[in-house]
Amino acid sequence: AGTDLAGFTSQLDSTEMFYEPADALELTNSQKLLQTMQNVA
């Protein structure tokens, strides 16, 4: 990515990574996602 570990860690710290599929499923299956996509649309 053109940075060092500290720089990349800083970016990861402000990114909610879904390391487990269960975490991704919680957002994907939520009513909140539907509302978000309405806002985006």
Full PDB file with SEQRES, HELIX, SHEET, SSBOND, CRYST1, ORIGX, SCALE, CONECT and MASTER records, all heavy atoms in Angstrom:
SEQRES   1 A   41  ALA GLY THR ASP LEU ALA GLY PHE THR SER GLN LEU ASP          
SEQRES   2 A   41  SER THR GLU MET PHE TYR GLU PRO ALA ASP ALA LEU GLU          
SEQRES   3 A   41  LEU THR ASN SER GLN LYS LEU LEU GLN THR MET GLN ASN          
SEQRES   4 A   41  VAL ALA                                                      
HELIX    1 AA1 LEU A    5  ASP A   13  1                                   9    
HELIX    2 AA2 PRO A   21  THR A   28  1                                   8    
HELIX    3 AA3 GLN A   31  VAL A   40  1                                  10    
CRYST1    1.000    1.000    1.000  90.00  90.00  90.00 P 1           1          
ORIGX1      1.000000  0.000000  0.000000        0.00000                         
ORIGX2      0.000000  1.000000  0.000000        0.00000                         
ORIGX3      0.000000  0.000000  1.000000        0.00000                         
SCALE1      1.000000  0.000000  0.000000        0.00000                         
SCALE2      0.000000  1.000000  0.000000        0.00000                         
SCALE3      0.000000  0.000000  1.000000        0.00000                         
ATOM      1  N   ALA A   1       0.818  -1.218   0.000  1.00  0.00           N  
ATOM      2  CA  ALA A   1       0.000   0.000   0.000  1.00  0.00           C  
ATOM      3  C   ALA A   1       0.848   1.262   0.000  1.00  0.00           C  
ATOM      4  O   ALA A   1       0.314   2.379  -0.015  1.00  0.00           O  
ATOM      5  CB  ALA A   1      -0.926   0.003   1.216  1.00  0.00           C  
ATOM      6  N   GLY A   2       2.186   1.092   0.055  1.00  0.00           N  
ATOM      7  CA  GLY A   2       3.072   2.246   0.031  1.00  0.00           C  
ATOM      8  C   GLY A   2       3.260   2.908   1.371  1.00  0.00           C  
ATOM      9  O   GLY A   2       3.585   4.095   1.455  1.00  0.00           O  
ATOM     10  N   THR A   3       3.067   2.154   2.467  1.00  0.00           N  
ATOM     11  CA  THR A   3       3.262   2.720   3.800  1.00  0.00           C  
ATOM     12  C   THR A   3       4.024   1.716   4.653  1.00  0.00           C  
ATOM     13  O   THR A   3       4.487   0.686   4.158  1.00  0.00           O  
ATOM     14  CB  THR A   3       1.901   3.089   4.434  1.00  0.00           C  
ATOM     15  OG1 THR A   3       2.131   3.762   5.680  1.00  0.00           O  
ATOM     16  CG2 THR A   3       1.016   1.887   4.664  1.00  0.00           C  
ATOM     17  N   ASP A   4       4.166   2.015   5.935  1.00  0.00           N  
ATOM     18  CA  ASP A   4       4.804   1.071   6.850  1.00  0.00           C  
ATOM     19  C   ASP A   4       3.751   0.463   7.763  1.00  0.00           C  
ATOM     20  O   ASP A   4       2.565   0.798   7.676  1.00  0.00           O  
ATOM     21  CB  ASP A   4       5.917   1.754   7.655  1.00  0.00           C  
ATOM     22  CG  ASP A   4       5.420   2.960   8.444  1.00  0.00           C  
ATOM     23  OD1 ASP A   4       4.194   3.113   8.622  1.00  0.00           O  
ATOM     24  OD2 ASP A   4       6.266   3.769   8.879  1.00  0.00           O  
ATOM     25  N   LEU A   5       4.176  -0.428   8.640  1.00  0.00           N  
ATOM     26  CA  LEU A   5       3.215  -1.119   9.500  1.00  0.00           C  
ATOM     27  C   LEU A   5       2.446  -0.139  10.381  1.00  0.00           C  
ATOM     28  O   LEU A   5       1.227  -0.283  10.566  1.00  0.00           O  
ATOM     29  CB  LEU A   5       3.933  -2.162  10.360  1.00  0.00           C  
ATOM     30  CG  LEU A   5       3.033  -2.976  11.303  1.00  0.00           C  
ATOM     31  CD1 LEU A   5       1.955  -3.709  10.531  1.00  0.00           C  
ATOM     32  CD2 LEU A   5       3.875  -3.953  12.127  1.00  0.00           C  
ATOM     33  N   ALA A   6       3.134   0.874  10.900  1.00  0.00           N  
ATOM     34  CA  ALA A   6       2.460   1.856  11.758  1.00  0.00           C  
ATOM     35  C   ALA A   6       1.384   2.611  10.985  1.00  0.00           C  
ATOM     36  O   ALA A   6       0.266   2.823  11.488  1.00  0.00           O  
ATOM     37  CB  ALA A   6       3.480   2.833  12.339  1.00  0.00           C  
ATOM     38  N   GLY A   7       1.708   2.996   9.747  1.00  0.00           N  
ATOM     39  CA  GLY A   7       0.737   3.706   8.930  1.00  0.00           C  
ATOM     40  C   GLY A   7      -0.461   2.835   8.581  1.00  0.00           C  
ATOM     41  O   GLY A   7      -1.615   3.287   8.613  1.00  0.00           O  
ATOM     42  N   PHE A   8      -0.175   1.587   8.255  1.00  0.00           N  
ATOM     43  CA  PHE A   8      -1.253   0.663   7.904  1.00  0.00           C  
ATOM     44  C   PHE A   8      -2.119   0.360   9.124  1.00  0.00           C  
ATOM     45  O   PHE A   8      -3.346   0.271   9.025  1.00  0.00           O  
ATOM     46  CB  PHE A   8      -0.660  -0.630   7.341  1.00  0.00           C  
ATOM     47  CG  PHE A   8      -1.659  -1.518   6.660  1.00  0.00           C  
ATOM     48  CD1 PHE A   8      -2.255  -1.143   5.469  1.00  0.00           C  
ATOM     49  CD2 PHE A   8      -1.996  -2.750   7.210  1.00  0.00           C  
ATOM     50  CE1 PHE A   8      -3.174  -1.960   4.831  1.00  0.00           C  
ATOM     51  CE2 PHE A   8      -2.918  -3.580   6.588  1.00  0.00           C  
ATOM     52  CZ  PHE A   8      -3.507  -3.189   5.393  1.00  0.00           C  
ATOM     53  N   THR A   9      -1.465   0.225  10.290  1.00  0.00           N  
ATOM     54  CA  THR A   9      -2.210  -0.020  11.530  1.00  0.00           C  
ATOM     55  C   THR A   9      -3.140   1.141  11.832  1.00  0.00           C  
ATOM     56  O   THR A   9      -4.284   0.945  12.272  1.00  0.00           O  
ATOM     57  CB  THR A   9      -1.242  -0.245  12.702  1.00  0.00           C  
ATOM     58  OG1 THR A   9      -0.423  -1.389  12.419  1.00  0.00           O  
ATOM     59  CG2 THR A   9      -1.990  -0.476  14.003  1.00  0.00           C  
ATOM     60  N   SER A  10      -2.667   2.370  11.578  1.00  0.00           N  
ATOM     61  CA  SER A  10      -3.515   3.549  11.783  1.00  0.00           C  
ATOM     62  C   SER A  10      -4.761   3.491  10.909  1.00  0.00           C  
ATOM     63  O   SER A  10      -5.863   3.833  11.352  1.00  0.00           O  
ATOM     64  CB  SER A  10      -2.711   4.816  11.473  1.00  0.00           C  
ATOM     65  OG  SER A  10      -3.551   5.953  11.449  1.00  0.00           O  
ATOM     66  N   GLN A  11      -4.580   3.042   9.670  1.00  0.00           N  
ATOM     67  CA  GLN A  11      -5.733   2.914   8.768  1.00  0.00           C  
ATOM     68  C   GLN A  11      -6.674   1.802   9.230  1.00  0.00           C  
ATOM     69  O   GLN A  11      -7.899   1.954   9.189  1.00  0.00           O  
ATOM     70  CB  GLN A  11      -5.245   2.655   7.352  1.00  0.00           C  
ATOM     71  CG  GLN A  11      -4.480   3.818   6.745  1.00  0.00           C  
ATOM     72  CD  GLN A  11      -3.893   3.492   5.392  1.00  0.00           C  
ATOM     73  OE1 GLN A  11      -4.540   2.896   4.551  1.00  0.00           O  
ATOM     74  NE2 GLN A  11      -2.640   3.873   5.178  1.00  0.00           N  
ATOM     75  N   LEU A  12      -6.104   0.694   9.682  1.00  0.00           N  
ATOM     76  CA  LEU A  12      -6.940  -0.405  10.189  1.00  0.00           C  
ATOM     77  C   LEU A  12      -7.716   0.016  11.433  1.00  0.00           C  
ATOM     78  O   LEU A  12      -8.867  -0.403  11.634  1.00  0.00           O  
ATOM     79  CB  LEU A  12      -6.075  -1.622  10.515  1.00  0.00           C  
ATOM     80  CG  LEU A  12      -5.642  -2.503   9.347  1.00  0.00           C  
ATOM     81  CD1 LEU A  12      -4.655  -3.557   9.825  1.00  0.00           C  
ATOM     82  CD2 LEU A  12      -6.849  -3.168   8.673  1.00  0.00           C  
ATOM     83  N   ASP A  13      -7.084   0.859  12.262  1.00  0.00           N  
ATOM     84  CA  ASP A  13      -7.739   1.292  13.503  1.00  0.00           C  
ATOM     85  C   ASP A  13      -9.018   2.069  13.237  1.00  0.00           C  
ATOM     86  O   ASP A  13      -9.917   2.096  14.089  1.00  0.00           O  
ATOM     87  CB  ASP A  13      -6.777   2.158  14.331  1.00  0.00           C  
ATOM     88  CG  ASP A  13      -5.670   1.346  14.990  1.00  0.00           C  
ATOM     89  OD1 ASP A  13      -5.810   0.105  15.050  1.00  0.00           O  
ATOM     90  OD2 ASP A  13      -4.666   1.951  15.416  1.00  0.00           O  
ATOM     91  N   SER A  14      -9.100   2.723  12.078  1.00  0.00           N  
ATOM     92  CA  SER A  14     -10.309   3.487  11.752  1.00  0.00           C  
ATOM     93  C   SER A  14     -11.146   2.782  10.672  1.00  0.00           C  
ATOM     94  O   SER A  14     -11.941   3.411   9.973  1.00  0.00           O  
ATOM     95  CB  SER A  14      -9.938   4.910  11.315  1.00  0.00           C  
ATOM     96  OG  SER A  14      -8.928   4.891  10.331  1.00  0.00           O  
ATOM     97  N   THR A  15     -10.930   1.474  10.581  1.00  0.00           N  
ATOM     98  CA  THR A  15     -11.717   0.637   9.669  1.00  0.00           C  
ATOM     99  C   THR A  15     -12.315  -0.508  10.469  1.00  0.00           C  
ATOM    100  O   THR A  15     -11.590  -1.191  11.198  1.00  0.00           O  
ATOM    101  CB  THR A  15     -10.816   0.047   8.559  1.00  0.00           C  
ATOM    102  OG1 THR A  15     -10.132   1.108   7.896  1.00  0.00           O  
ATOM    103  CG2 THR A  15     -11.637  -0.724   7.548  1.00  0.00           C  
ATOM    104  N   GLU A  16     -13.606  -0.687  10.382  1.00  0.00           N  
ATOM    105  CA  GLU A  16     -14.259  -1.802  11.074  1.00  0.00           C  
ATOM    106  C   GLU A  16     -14.194  -3.020  10.165  1.00  0.00           C  
ATOM    107  O   GLU A  16     -15.090  -3.281   9.359  1.00  0.00           O  
ATOM    108  CB  GLU A  16     -15.713  -1.455  11.410  1.00  0.00           C  
ATOM    109  CG  GLU A  16     -16.415  -2.477  12.279  1.00  0.00           C  
ATOM    110  CD  GLU A  16     -15.832  -2.587  13.676  1.00  0.00           C  
ATOM    111  OE1 GLU A  16     -15.307  -1.576  14.196  1.00  0.00           O  
ATOM    112  OE2 GLU A  16     -15.899  -3.688  14.249  1.00  0.00           O  
ATOM    113  N   MET A  17     -13.070  -3.765  10.282  1.00  0.00           N  
ATOM    114  CA  MET A  17     -12.892  -4.958   9.461  1.00  0.00           C  
ATOM    115  C   MET A  17     -13.768  -6.092   9.987  1.00  0.00           C  
ATOM    116  O   MET A  17     -13.847  -6.313  11.189  1.00  0.00           O  
ATOM    117  CB  MET A  17     -11.422  -5.406   9.479  1.00  0.00           C  
ATOM    118  CG  MET A  17     -10.444  -4.456   8.835  1.00  0.00           C  
ATOM    119  SD  MET A  17     -10.658  -4.241   7.048  1.00  0.00           S  
ATOM    120  CE  MET A  17     -10.379  -5.898   6.433  1.00  0.00           C  
ATOM    121  N   PHE A  18     -14.388  -6.806   9.072  1.00  0.00           N  
ATOM    122  CA  PHE A  18     -15.182  -7.970   9.449  1.00  0.00           C  
ATOM    123  C   PHE A  18     -14.312  -9.216   9.283  1.00  0.00           C  
ATOM    124  O   PHE A  18     -14.337  -9.884   8.263  1.00  0.00           O  
ATOM    125  CB  PHE A  18     -16.443  -8.063   8.585  1.00  0.00           C  
ATOM    126  CG  PHE A  18     -17.386  -6.905   8.768  1.00  0.00           C  
ATOM    127  CD1 PHE A  18     -18.009  -6.325   7.671  1.00  0.00           C  
ATOM    128  CD2 PHE A  18     -17.655  -6.390  10.025  1.00  0.00           C  
ATOM    129  CE1 PHE A  18     -18.886  -5.255   7.828  1.00  0.00           C  
ATOM    130  CE2 PHE A  18     -18.522  -5.321  10.200  1.00  0.00           C  
ATOM    131  CZ  PHE A  18     -19.145  -4.748   9.099  1.00  0.00           C  
ATOM    132  N   TYR A  19     -13.529  -9.490  10.317  1.00  0.00           N  
ATOM    133  CA  TYR A  19     -12.611 -10.629  10.244  1.00  0.00           C  
ATOM    134  C   TYR A  19     -13.358 -11.953  10.246  1.00  0.00           C  
ATOM    135  O   TYR A  19     -12.880 -12.941   9.693  1.00  0.00           O  
ATOM    136  CB  TYR A  19     -11.628 -10.588  11.406  1.00  0.00           C  
ATOM    137  CG  TYR A  19     -10.656  -9.433  11.345  1.00  0.00           C  
ATOM    138  CD1 TYR A  19     -10.783  -8.330  12.183  1.00  0.00           C  
ATOM    139  CD2 TYR A  19      -9.599  -9.441  10.434  1.00  0.00           C  
ATOM    140  CE1 TYR A  19      -9.893  -7.275  12.121  1.00  0.00           C  
ATOM    141  CE2 TYR A  19      -8.703  -8.389  10.362  1.00  0.00           C  
ATOM    142  CZ  TYR A  19      -8.859  -7.306  11.216  1.00  0.00           C  
ATOM    143  OH  TYR A  19      -7.968  -6.257  11.144  1.00  0.00           O  
ATOM    144  N   GLU A  20     -14.530 -11.969  10.852  1.00  0.00           N  
ATOM    145  CA  GLU A  20     -15.342 -13.181  10.921  1.00  0.00           C  
ATOM    146  C   GLU A  20     -16.585 -13.003  10.060  1.00  0.00           C  
ATOM    147  O   GLU A  20     -17.187 -11.923  10.041  1.00  0.00           O  
ATOM    148  CB  GLU A  20     -15.772 -13.470  12.364  1.00  0.00           C  
ATOM    149  CG  GLU A  20     -14.616 -13.611  13.349  1.00  0.00           C  
ATOM    150  CD  GLU A  20     -13.813 -14.865  13.117  1.00  0.00           C  
ATOM    151  OE1 GLU A  20     -14.338 -15.807  12.475  1.00  0.00           O  
ATOM    152  OE2 GLU A  20     -12.652 -14.915  13.582  1.00  0.00           O  
ATOM    153  N   PRO A  21     -17.018 -14.055   9.357  1.00  0.00           N  
ATOM    154  CA  PRO A  21     -18.230 -13.922   8.538  1.00  0.00           C  
ATOM    155  C   PRO A  21     -19.456 -13.540   9.350  1.00  0.00           C  
ATOM    156  O   PRO A  21     -20.335 -12.836   8.849  1.00  0.00           O  
ATOM    157  CB  PRO A  21     -18.378 -15.306   7.888  1.00  0.00           C  
ATOM    158  CG  PRO A  21     -17.471 -16.223   8.638  1.00  0.00           C  
ATOM    159  CD  PRO A  21     -16.387 -15.377   9.202  1.00  0.00           C  
ATOM    160  N   ALA A  22     -19.510 -13.961  10.606  1.00  0.00           N  
ATOM    161  CA  ALA A  22     -20.672 -13.611  11.444  1.00  0.00           C  
ATOM    162  C   ALA A  22     -20.810 -12.104  11.602  1.00  0.00           C  
ATOM    163  O   ALA A  22     -21.928 -11.569  11.658  1.00  0.00           O  
ATOM    164  CB  ALA A  22     -20.547 -14.281  12.808  1.00  0.00           C  
ATOM    165  N   ASP A  23     -19.658 -11.395  11.663  1.00  0.00           N  
ATOM    166  CA  ASP A  23     -19.694  -9.932  11.795  1.00  0.00           C  
ATOM    167  C   ASP A  23     -20.245  -9.289  10.524  1.00  0.00           C  
ATOM    168  O   ASP A  23     -21.028  -8.332  10.581  1.00  0.00           O  
ATOM    169  CB  ASP A  23     -18.294  -9.396  12.089  1.00  0.00           C  
ATOM    170  CG  ASP A  23     -17.720  -9.942  13.390  1.00  0.00           C  
ATOM    171  OD1 ASP A  23     -18.510 -10.191  14.320  1.00  0.00           O  
ATOM    172  OD2 ASP A  23     -16.490 -10.127  13.466  1.00  0.00           O  
ATOM    173  N   ALA A  24     -19.824  -9.807   9.378  1.00  0.00           N  
ATOM    174  CA  ALA A  24     -20.331  -9.288   8.104  1.00  0.00           C  
ATOM    175  C   ALA A  24     -21.816  -9.569   7.959  1.00  0.00           C  
ATOM    176  O   ALA A  24     -22.583  -8.732   7.460  1.00  0.00           O  
ATOM    177  CB  ALA A  24     -19.562  -9.923   6.939  1.00  0.00           C  
ATOM    178  N   LEU A  25     -22.235 -10.739   8.416  1.00  0.00           N  
ATOM    179  CA  LEU A  25     -23.646 -11.113   8.306  1.00  0.00           C  
ATOM    180  C   LEU A  25     -24.531 -10.217   9.153  1.00  0.00           C  
ATOM    181  O   LEU A  25     -25.659  -9.892   8.770  1.00  0.00           O  
ATOM    182  CB  LEU A  25     -23.835 -12.580   8.717  1.00  0.00           C  
ATOM    183  CG  LEU A  25     -23.320 -13.613   7.713  1.00  0.00           C  
ATOM    184  CD1 LEU A  25     -23.232 -14.990   8.372  1.00  0.00           C  
ATOM    185  CD2 LEU A  25     -24.212 -13.665   6.485  1.00  0.00           C  
ATOM    186  N   GLU A  26     -24.025  -9.795  10.301  1.00  0.00           N  
ATOM    187  CA  GLU A  26     -24.819  -8.936  11.181  1.00  0.00           C  
ATOM    188  C   GLU A  26     -25.215  -7.647  10.471  1.00  0.00           C  
ATOM    189  O   GLU A  26     -26.366  -7.204  10.554  1.00  0.00           O  
ATOM    190  CB  GLU A  26     -24.044  -8.630  12.464  1.00  0.00           C  
ATOM    191  CG  GLU A  26     -24.839  -7.814  13.462  1.00  0.00           C  
ATOM    192  CD  GLU A  26     -24.083  -7.571  14.761  1.00  0.00           C  
ATOM    193  OE1 GLU A  26     -22.997  -8.159  14.948  1.00  0.00           O  
ATOM    194  OE2 GLU A  26     -24.579  -6.775  15.593  1.00  0.00           O  
ATOM    195  N   LEU A  27     -24.259  -7.044   9.761  1.00  0.00           N  
ATOM    196  CA  LEU A  27     -24.576  -5.825   9.004  1.00  0.00           C  
ATOM    197  C   LEU A  27     -25.407  -6.142   7.769  1.00  0.00           C  
ATOM    198  O   LEU A  27     -26.410  -5.472   7.496  1.00  0.00           O  
ATOM    199  CB  LEU A  27     -23.294  -5.107   8.596  1.00  0.00           C  
ATOM    200  CG  LEU A  27     -23.491  -3.874   7.699  1.00  0.00           C  
ATOM    201  CD1 LEU A  27     -24.284  -2.794   8.430  1.00  0.00           C  
ATOM    202  CD2 LEU A  27     -22.161  -3.312   7.213  1.00  0.00           C  
ATOM    203  N   THR A  28     -25.004  -7.163   7.018  1.00  0.00           N  
ATOM    204  CA  THR A  28     -25.665  -7.473   5.751  1.00  0.00           C  
ATOM    205  C   THR A  28     -27.140  -7.801   5.943  1.00  0.00           C  
ATOM    206  O   THR A  28     -27.982  -7.421   5.123  1.00  0.00           O  
ATOM    207  CB  THR A  28     -24.959  -8.659   5.060  1.00  0.00           C  
ATOM    208  OG1 THR A  28     -23.561  -8.370   4.943  1.00  0.00           O  
ATOM    209  CG2 THR A  28     -25.528  -8.899   3.670  1.00  0.00           C  
ATOM    210  N   ASN A  29     -27.460  -8.489   7.019  1.00  0.00           N  
ATOM    211  CA  ASN A  29     -28.841  -8.920   7.263  1.00  0.00           C  
ATOM    212  C   ASN A  29     -29.682  -7.870   7.979  1.00  0.00           C  
ATOM    213  O   ASN A  29     -30.882  -8.080   8.192  1.00  0.00           O  
ATOM    214  CB  ASN A  29     -28.845 -10.215   8.090  1.00  0.00           C  
ATOM    215  CG  ASN A  29     -28.266 -11.396   7.330  1.00  0.00           C  
ATOM    216  OD1 ASN A  29     -28.314 -11.432   6.112  1.00  0.00           O  
ATOM    217  ND2 ASN A  29     -27.728 -12.358   8.056  1.00  0.00           N  
ATOM    218  N   SER A  30     -29.090  -6.753   8.336  1.00  0.00           N  
ATOM    219  CA  SER A  30     -29.772  -5.780   9.191  1.00  0.00           C  
ATOM    220  C   SER A  30     -30.716  -4.858   8.433  1.00  0.00           C  
ATOM    221  O   SER A  30     -30.546  -4.595   7.244  1.00  0.00           O  
ATOM    222  CB  SER A  30     -28.734  -4.925   9.935  1.00  0.00           C  
ATOM    223  OG  SER A  30     -28.060  -4.063   9.027  1.00  0.00           O  
ATOM    224  N   GLN A  31     -31.672  -4.341   9.174  1.00  0.00           N  
ATOM    225  CA  GLN A  31     -32.556  -3.300   8.643  1.00  0.00           C  
ATOM    226  C   GLN A  31     -31.766  -2.024   8.402  1.00  0.00           C  
ATOM    227  O   GLN A  31     -32.099  -1.242   7.497  1.00  0.00           O  
ATOM    228  CB  GLN A  31     -33.695  -3.041   9.636  1.00  0.00           C  
ATOM    229  CG  GLN A  31     -34.826  -2.176   9.102  1.00  0.00           C  
ATOM    230  CD  GLN A  31     -35.671  -2.872   8.054  1.00  0.00           C  
ATOM    231  OE1 GLN A  31     -35.879  -4.081   8.144  1.00  0.00           O  
ATOM    232  NE2 GLN A  31     -36.163  -2.130   7.064  1.00  0.00           N  
ATOM    233  N   LYS A  32     -30.717  -1.822   9.172  1.00  0.00           N  
ATOM    234  CA  LYS A  32     -29.887  -0.623   9.028  1.00  0.00           C  
ATOM    235  C   LYS A  32     -29.280  -0.530   7.635  1.00  0.00           C  
ATOM    236  O   LYS A  32     -29.195   0.563   7.061  1.00  0.00           O  
ATOM    237  CB  LYS A  32     -28.787  -0.614  10.083  1.00  0.00           C  
ATOM    238  CG  LYS A  32     -27.803   0.547   9.935  1.00  0.00           C  
ATOM    239  CD  LYS A  32     -26.769   0.573  11.029  1.00  0.00           C  
ATOM    240  CE  LYS A  32     -25.651   1.578  10.733  1.00  0.00           C  
ATOM    241  NZ  LYS A  32     -26.112   2.912  10.359  1.00  0.00           N  
ATOM    242  N   LEU A  33     -28.841  -1.664   7.077  1.00  0.00           N  
ATOM    243  CA  LEU A  33     -28.264  -1.640   5.731  1.00  0.00           C  
ATOM    244  C   LEU A  33     -29.289  -1.139   4.719  1.00  0.00           C  
ATOM    245  O   LEU A  33     -28.961  -0.349   3.828  1.00  0.00           O  
ATOM    246  CB  LEU A  33     -27.766  -3.029   5.330  1.00  0.00           C  
ATOM    247  CG  LEU A  33     -27.248  -3.140   3.882  1.00  0.00           C  
ATOM    248  CD1 LEU A  33     -26.040  -2.239   3.657  1.00  0.00           C  
ATOM    249  CD2 LEU A  33     -26.899  -4.589   3.541  1.00  0.00           C  
ATOM    250  N   LEU A  34     -30.524  -1.588   4.863  1.00  0.00           N  
ATOM    251  CA  LEU A  34     -31.581  -1.150   3.952  1.00  0.00           C  
ATOM    252  C   LEU A  34     -31.771   0.359   4.043  1.00  0.00           C  
ATOM    253  O   LEU A  34     -31.901   1.044   3.020  1.00  0.00           O  
ATOM    254  CB  LEU A  34     -32.878  -1.888   4.278  1.00  0.00           C  
ATOM    255  CG  LEU A  34     -34.027  -1.747   3.281  1.00  0.00           C  
ATOM    256  CD1 LEU A  34     -33.652  -2.281   1.908  1.00  0.00           C  
ATOM    257  CD2 LEU A  34     -35.264  -2.488   3.806  1.00  0.00           C  
ATOM    258  N   GLN A  35     -31.757   0.909   5.277  1.00  0.00           N  
ATOM    259  CA  GLN A  35     -31.906   2.350   5.456  1.00  0.00           C  
ATOM    260  C   GLN A  35     -30.699   3.101   4.900  1.00  0.00           C  
ATOM    261  O   GLN A  35     -30.844   4.150   4.262  1.00  0.00           O  
ATOM    262  CB  GLN A  35     -32.070   2.681   6.938  1.00  0.00           C  
ATOM    263  CG  GLN A  35     -32.250   4.172   7.236  1.00  0.00           C  
ATOM    264  CD  GLN A  35     -33.455   4.769   6.539  1.00  0.00           C  
ATOM    265  OE1 GLN A  35     -34.581   4.288   6.729  1.00  0.00           O  
ATOM    266  NE2 GLN A  35     -33.262   5.816   5.738  1.00  0.00           N  
ATOM    267  N   THR A  36     -29.509   2.536   5.108  1.00  0.00           N  
ATOM    268  CA  THR A  36     -28.292   3.157   4.564  1.00  0.00           C  
ATOM    269  C   THR A  36     -28.364   3.255   3.052  1.00  0.00           C  
ATOM    270  O   THR A  36     -28.050   4.300   2.459  1.00  0.00           O  
ATOM    271  CB  THR A  36     -27.049   2.341   4.967  1.00  0.00           C  
ATOM    272  OG1 THR A  36     -26.839   2.494   6.376  1.00  0.00           O  
ATOM    273  CG2 THR A  36     -25.806   2.813   4.221  1.00  0.00           C  
ATOM    274  N   MET A  37     -28.796   2.171   2.403  1.00  0.00           N  
ATOM    275  CA  MET A  37     -28.848   2.181   0.944  1.00  0.00           C  
ATOM    276  C   MET A  37     -29.921   3.142   0.439  1.00  0.00           C  
ATOM    277  O   MET A  37     -29.780   3.714  -0.647  1.00  0.00           O  
ATOM    278  CB  MET A  37     -29.065   0.771   0.404  1.00  0.00           C  
ATOM    279  CG  MET A  37     -27.861  -0.151   0.620  1.00  0.00           C  
ATOM    280  SD  MET A  37     -26.246   0.579   0.157  1.00  0.00           S  
ATOM    281  CE  MET A  37     -26.497   0.913  -1.604  1.00  0.00           C  
ATOM    282  N   GLN A  38     -30.967   3.360   1.211  1.00  0.00           N  
ATOM    283  CA  GLN A  38     -31.942   4.396   0.836  1.00  0.00           C  
ATOM    284  C   GLN A  38     -31.286   5.772   0.913  1.00  0.00           C  
ATOM    285  O   GLN A  38     -31.457   6.601   0.004  1.00  0.00           O  
ATOM    286  CB  GLN A  38     -33.160   4.352   1.762  1.00  0.00           C  
ATOM    287  CG  GLN A  38     -34.196   5.434   1.423  1.00  0.00           C  
ATOM    288  CD  GLN A  38     -35.461   5.334   2.253  1.00  0.00           C  
ATOM    289  OE1 GLN A  38     -35.773   4.282   2.815  1.00  0.00           O  
ATOM    290  NE2 GLN A  38     -36.195   6.426   2.342  1.00  0.00           N  
ATOM    291  N   ASN A  39     -30.520   6.025   1.984  1.00  0.00           N  
ATOM    292  CA  ASN A  39     -29.806   7.304   2.106  1.00  0.00           C  
ATOM    293  C   ASN A  39     -28.862   7.515   0.924  1.00  0.00           C  
ATOM    294  O   ASN A  39     -28.784   8.608   0.345  1.00  0.00           O  
ATOM    295  CB  ASN A  39     -28.984   7.330   3.399  1.00  0.00           C  
ATOM    296  CG  ASN A  39     -29.830   7.377   4.651  1.00  0.00           C  
ATOM    297  OD1 ASN A  39     -31.005   7.719   4.608  1.00  0.00           O  
ATOM    298  ND2 ASN A  39     -29.234   7.022   5.771  1.00  0.00           N  
ATOM    299  N   VAL A  40     -28.133   6.454   0.566  1.00  0.00           N  
ATOM    300  CA  VAL A  40     -27.182   6.520  -0.541  1.00  0.00           C  
ATOM    301  C   VAL A  40     -27.905   6.780  -1.854  1.00  0.00           C  
ATOM    302  O   VAL A  40     -27.468   7.596  -2.681  1.00  0.00           O  
ATOM    303  CB  VAL A  40     -26.358   5.216  -0.621  1.00  0.00           C  
ATOM    304  CG1 VAL A  40     -25.554   5.159  -1.914  1.00  0.00           C  
ATOM    305  CG2 VAL A  40     -25.431   5.110   0.583  1.00  0.00           C  
ATOM    306  N   ALA A  41     -29.026   6.091  -2.058  1.00  0.00           N  
ATOM    307  CA  ALA A  41     -29.792   6.267  -3.292  1.00  0.00           C  
ATOM    308  C   ALA A  41     -30.350   7.685  -3.400  1.00  0.00           C  
ATOM    309  O   ALA A  41     -30.339   8.288  -4.480  1.00  0.00           O  
ATOM    310  CB  ALA A  41     -30.922   5.247  -3.354  1.00  0.00           C  
TER     311      ALA A  41                                                      
MASTER        0    0    0    3    0    0    0    6  310    1    0    4          
END                                                                             
